[in-house]
Every structure is written in structure tokens, then in C-alpha cells.
Amino acid sequence: MPKRSRKPADFNQMGFAIIREATDPDYDPYEGKNPAAVELGKLGGKKGGKARAAKLTSEERSASAKKAAAARWGKETTPK
């Protein structure tokens, strides 16, 4: 199955994409894509988290938040 990420894997490609978007006024990242599908994708991304939170009970939301906080703050960092 192909990866779904649209980010370039190579730093040179990423840099090229950033410069192209910044300097080319006619550049359209959605060129060649179905506009209806693009809009549906944006819509689903905007409402996904809110819809999921509405389905969870307060105990489930609390447990999820605690798990996220533990993952975020429990990471061991090494001094540079």
C-alpha cells in the first residue's frame, strides 16, 4: 500500500517545493486533482476530531488526554 503522506522524503525535494510555492504565482498544488475530492478531504479533516470527541464519554476523553500527556512529557531527552 502506498504511503499517504505528500511530503517529499528528500530535503532537496522539500526545499525545491518550498521555493516553488513561494516564488511561482501560478503554482497550484491541487492541479490535476478532482476539486470535489479535495473539498471532501478538507471537510473530513476539519470535523474529524470534533466528531470523535463528541462520541466519547468524559471518562474516555480524560483517559485519552492522560495517555497523550504521558506520551508527550514522558519522553527522555538527551542533553546536547
N, C-alpha and C. Protein backbone atom coordinates (compact mmCIF):
# COMPACT_ATOMS: atom_id res chain seq x y z
N MET A 1 0.84 -1.17 0.00
CA MET A 1 0.00 0.00 0.00
C MET A 1 0.89 1.24 0.00
N PRO A 2 0.62 2.23 -0.85
CA PRO A 2 1.47 3.41 -0.91
C PRO A 2 1.30 4.29 0.31
N LYS A 3 2.33 5.05 0.61
CA LYS A 3 2.25 5.98 1.72
C LYS A 3 1.29 7.10 1.36
N ARG A 4 0.60 7.64 2.34
CA ARG A 4 -0.39 8.68 2.08
C ARG A 4 0.19 10.08 2.23
N SER A 5 1.36 10.19 2.80
CA SER A 5 1.95 11.50 3.01
C SER A 5 2.38 12.10 1.69
N ARG A 6 2.15 13.39 1.53
CA ARG A 6 2.53 14.08 0.31
C ARG A 6 3.82 14.85 0.48
N LYS A 7 4.48 14.72 1.61
CA LYS A 7 5.73 15.42 1.86
C LYS A 7 6.87 14.72 1.14
N PRO A 8 7.76 15.48 0.51
CA PRO A 8 8.92 14.85 -0.12
C PRO A 8 9.84 14.23 0.94
N ALA A 9 10.37 13.08 0.64
CA ALA A 9 11.23 12.38 1.58
C ALA A 9 12.63 12.99 1.62
N ASP A 10 13.04 13.60 0.53
CA ASP A 10 14.39 14.15 0.42
C ASP A 10 14.37 15.64 0.77
N PHE A 11 15.37 16.11 1.51
CA PHE A 11 15.43 17.52 1.90
C PHE A 11 15.58 18.43 0.69
N ASN A 12 16.27 17.98 -0.34
CA ASN A 12 16.41 18.79 -1.55
C ASN A 12 15.06 18.96 -2.25
N GLN A 13 14.28 17.90 -2.30
CA GLN A 13 12.96 17.99 -2.91
C GLN A 13 12.04 18.89 -2.09
N MET A 14 12.15 18.78 -0.76
CA MET A 14 11.34 19.62 0.11
C MET A 14 11.69 21.10 -0.07
N GLY A 15 12.98 21.39 -0.15
CA GLY A 15 13.43 22.75 -0.38
C GLY A 15 12.95 23.29 -1.71
N PHE A 16 13.02 22.47 -2.75
CA PHE A 16 12.55 22.87 -4.06
C PHE A 16 11.05 23.18 -4.02
N ALA A 17 10.28 22.34 -3.33
CA ALA A 17 8.84 22.56 -3.25
C ALA A 17 8.52 23.86 -2.51
N ILE A 18 9.26 24.16 -1.45
CA ILE A 18 9.03 25.39 -0.69
C ILE A 18 9.34 26.61 -1.53
N ILE A 19 10.48 26.59 -2.22
CA ILE A 19 10.87 27.72 -3.06
C ILE A 19 9.88 27.89 -4.21
N ARG A 20 9.44 26.79 -4.79
CA ARG A 20 8.48 26.86 -5.91
C ARG A 20 7.17 27.50 -5.46
N GLU A 21 6.66 27.09 -4.30
CA GLU A 21 5.42 27.66 -3.80
C GLU A 21 5.58 29.15 -3.48
N ALA A 22 6.76 29.54 -2.98
CA ALA A 22 6.98 30.92 -2.59
C ALA A 22 7.20 31.85 -3.78
N THR A 23 7.78 31.35 -4.86
CA THR A 23 8.18 32.23 -5.96
C THR A 23 7.32 32.12 -7.21
N ASP A 24 6.58 31.04 -7.40
CA ASP A 24 5.79 30.85 -8.61
C ASP A 24 4.33 31.21 -8.33
N PRO A 25 3.85 32.36 -8.83
CA PRO A 25 2.47 32.76 -8.54
C PRO A 25 1.42 31.86 -9.20
N ASP A 26 1.79 31.14 -10.24
CA ASP A 26 0.85 30.28 -10.94
C ASP A 26 0.85 28.84 -10.43
N TYR A 27 1.63 28.55 -9.41
CA TYR A 27 1.74 27.18 -8.90
C TYR A 27 0.47 26.81 -8.14
N ASP A 28 -0.10 25.67 -8.48
CA ASP A 28 -1.29 25.15 -7.81
C ASP A 28 -1.00 23.72 -7.35
N PRO A 29 -0.88 23.49 -6.04
CA PRO A 29 -0.57 22.14 -5.57
C PRO A 29 -1.68 21.14 -5.84
N TYR A 30 -2.89 21.63 -6.13
CA TYR A 30 -4.02 20.73 -6.38
C TYR A 30 -4.28 20.53 -7.87
N GLU A 31 -3.37 20.97 -8.71
CA GLU A 31 -3.54 20.82 -10.15
C GLU A 31 -3.60 19.34 -10.53
N GLY A 32 -4.58 19.00 -11.33
CA GLY A 32 -4.72 17.62 -11.78
C GLY A 32 -5.53 16.76 -10.84
N LYS A 33 -6.03 17.33 -9.76
CA LYS A 33 -6.84 16.57 -8.82
C LYS A 33 -8.30 16.96 -8.98
N ASN A 34 -9.16 16.08 -8.61
CA ASN A 34 -10.59 16.32 -8.66
C ASN A 34 -10.95 17.35 -7.58
N PRO A 35 -11.46 18.53 -7.95
CA PRO A 35 -11.77 19.56 -6.95
C PRO A 35 -12.78 19.10 -5.91
N ALA A 36 -13.74 18.29 -6.31
CA ALA A 36 -14.74 17.79 -5.36
C ALA A 36 -14.08 16.89 -4.32
N ALA A 37 -13.15 16.07 -4.75
CA ALA A 37 -12.45 15.18 -3.81
C ALA A 37 -11.57 15.97 -2.85
N VAL A 38 -10.95 17.04 -3.35
CA VAL A 38 -10.11 17.89 -2.50
C VAL A 38 -10.96 18.53 -1.41
N GLU A 39 -12.13 19.05 -1.79
CA GLU A 39 -13.02 19.69 -0.81
C GLU A 39 -13.53 18.68 0.21
N LEU A 40 -13.87 17.48 -0.23
CA LEU A 40 -14.33 16.46 0.71
C LEU A 40 -13.22 16.08 1.69
N GLY A 41 -12.00 16.00 1.22
CA GLY A 41 -10.87 15.68 2.09
C GLY A 41 -10.65 16.75 3.14
N LYS A 42 -10.76 18.01 2.74
CA LYS A 42 -10.61 19.11 3.68
C LYS A 42 -11.73 19.10 4.72
N LEU A 43 -12.94 18.83 4.26
CA LEU A 43 -14.09 18.82 5.15
C LEU A 43 -13.95 17.73 6.21
N GLY A 44 -13.55 16.54 5.79
CA GLY A 44 -13.40 15.44 6.74
C GLY A 44 -12.32 15.72 7.77
N GLY A 45 -11.24 16.34 7.35
CA GLY A 45 -10.16 16.65 8.27
C GLY A 45 -10.55 17.69 9.30
N LYS A 46 -11.43 18.61 8.92
CA LYS A 46 -11.84 19.66 9.84
C LYS A 46 -12.80 19.16 10.91
N LYS A 47 -13.64 18.21 10.56
CA LYS A 47 -14.65 17.79 11.52
C LYS A 47 -14.30 16.48 12.24
N GLY A 48 -13.22 15.83 11.84
CA GLY A 48 -12.91 14.52 12.39
C GLY A 48 -12.69 14.48 13.89
N GLY A 49 -11.84 15.37 14.41
CA GLY A 49 -11.54 15.36 15.84
C GLY A 49 -12.73 15.72 16.69
N LYS A 50 -13.51 16.70 16.23
CA LYS A 50 -14.69 17.12 16.99
C LYS A 50 -15.74 16.02 17.01
N ALA A 51 -15.90 15.34 15.88
CA ALA A 51 -16.88 14.25 15.81
C ALA A 51 -16.46 13.10 16.72
N ARG A 52 -15.17 12.81 16.75
CA ARG A 52 -14.68 11.73 17.61
C ARG A 52 -14.87 12.09 19.07
N ALA A 53 -14.56 13.34 19.43
CA ALA A 53 -14.69 13.77 20.82
C ALA A 53 -16.16 13.74 21.27
N ALA A 54 -17.07 14.04 20.36
CA ALA A 54 -18.49 14.04 20.71
C ALA A 54 -18.99 12.63 21.00
N LYS A 55 -18.37 11.62 20.40
CA LYS A 55 -18.79 10.24 20.61
C LYS A 55 -18.24 9.64 21.90
N LEU A 56 -17.16 10.21 22.43
CA LEU A 56 -16.53 9.65 23.62
C LEU A 56 -17.20 10.15 24.88
N THR A 57 -17.18 9.31 25.90
CA THR A 57 -17.67 9.75 27.21
C THR A 57 -16.59 10.60 27.86
N SER A 58 -16.94 11.30 28.93
CA SER A 58 -15.96 12.14 29.59
C SER A 58 -14.81 11.31 30.18
N GLU A 59 -15.10 10.10 30.64
CA GLU A 59 -14.04 9.23 31.16
C GLU A 59 -13.08 8.81 30.05
N GLU A 60 -13.63 8.49 28.87
CA GLU A 60 -12.79 8.10 27.74
C GLU A 60 -11.94 9.27 27.25
N ARG A 61 -12.52 10.47 27.21
CA ARG A 61 -11.75 11.65 26.81
C ARG A 61 -10.63 11.92 27.81
N SER A 62 -10.93 11.78 29.09
CA SER A 62 -9.92 12.01 30.12
C SER A 62 -8.78 10.99 30.00
N ALA A 63 -9.13 9.74 29.78
CA ALA A 63 -8.11 8.70 29.64
C ALA A 63 -7.25 8.95 28.42
N SER A 64 -7.87 9.37 27.33
CA SER A 64 -7.12 9.67 26.11
C SER A 64 -6.18 10.85 26.33
N ALA A 65 -6.66 11.88 27.02
CA ALA A 65 -5.82 13.05 27.30
C ALA A 65 -4.65 12.69 28.20
N LYS A 66 -4.89 11.86 29.19
CA LYS A 66 -3.81 11.43 30.09
C LYS A 66 -2.76 10.62 29.34
N LYS A 67 -3.22 9.75 28.44
CA LYS A 67 -2.30 8.95 27.65
C LYS A 67 -1.46 9.84 26.74
N ALA A 68 -2.09 10.86 26.13
CA ALA A 68 -1.36 11.78 25.25
C ALA A 68 -0.34 12.59 26.04
N ALA A 69 -0.73 13.06 27.22
CA ALA A 69 0.19 13.85 28.05
C ALA A 69 1.37 13.00 28.50
N ALA A 70 1.10 11.74 28.85
CA ALA A 70 2.19 10.86 29.27
C ALA A 70 3.16 10.62 28.12
N ALA A 71 2.63 10.46 26.92
CA ALA A 71 3.49 10.25 25.76
C ALA A 71 4.29 11.50 25.44
N ARG A 72 3.66 12.65 25.60
CA ARG A 72 4.32 13.91 25.27
C ARG A 72 5.38 14.28 26.29
N TRP A 73 5.08 14.13 27.56
CA TRP A 73 6.00 14.57 28.61
C TRP A 73 6.90 13.46 29.13
N GLY A 74 6.61 12.23 28.80
CA GLY A 74 7.40 11.12 29.31
C GLY A 74 8.63 10.78 28.49
N LYS A 75 8.85 11.51 27.40
CA LYS A 75 10.00 11.22 26.55
C LYS A 75 11.28 11.63 27.24
N GLU A 76 12.27 10.79 27.12
CA GLU A 76 13.58 11.07 27.68
C GLU A 76 14.39 11.84 26.65
N THR A 77 14.87 13.01 27.01
CA THR A 77 15.69 13.79 26.09
C THR A 77 17.13 13.75 26.55
N THR A 78 18.01 13.73 25.59
CA THR A 78 19.43 13.73 25.91
C THR A 78 19.98 15.14 25.75
N PRO A 79 20.82 15.59 26.68
CA PRO A 79 21.39 16.93 26.55
C PRO A 79 22.37 16.99 25.39
N LYS A 80 22.41 18.14 24.75
CA LYS A 80 23.30 18.30 23.59
C LYS A 80 24.63 18.86 24.00
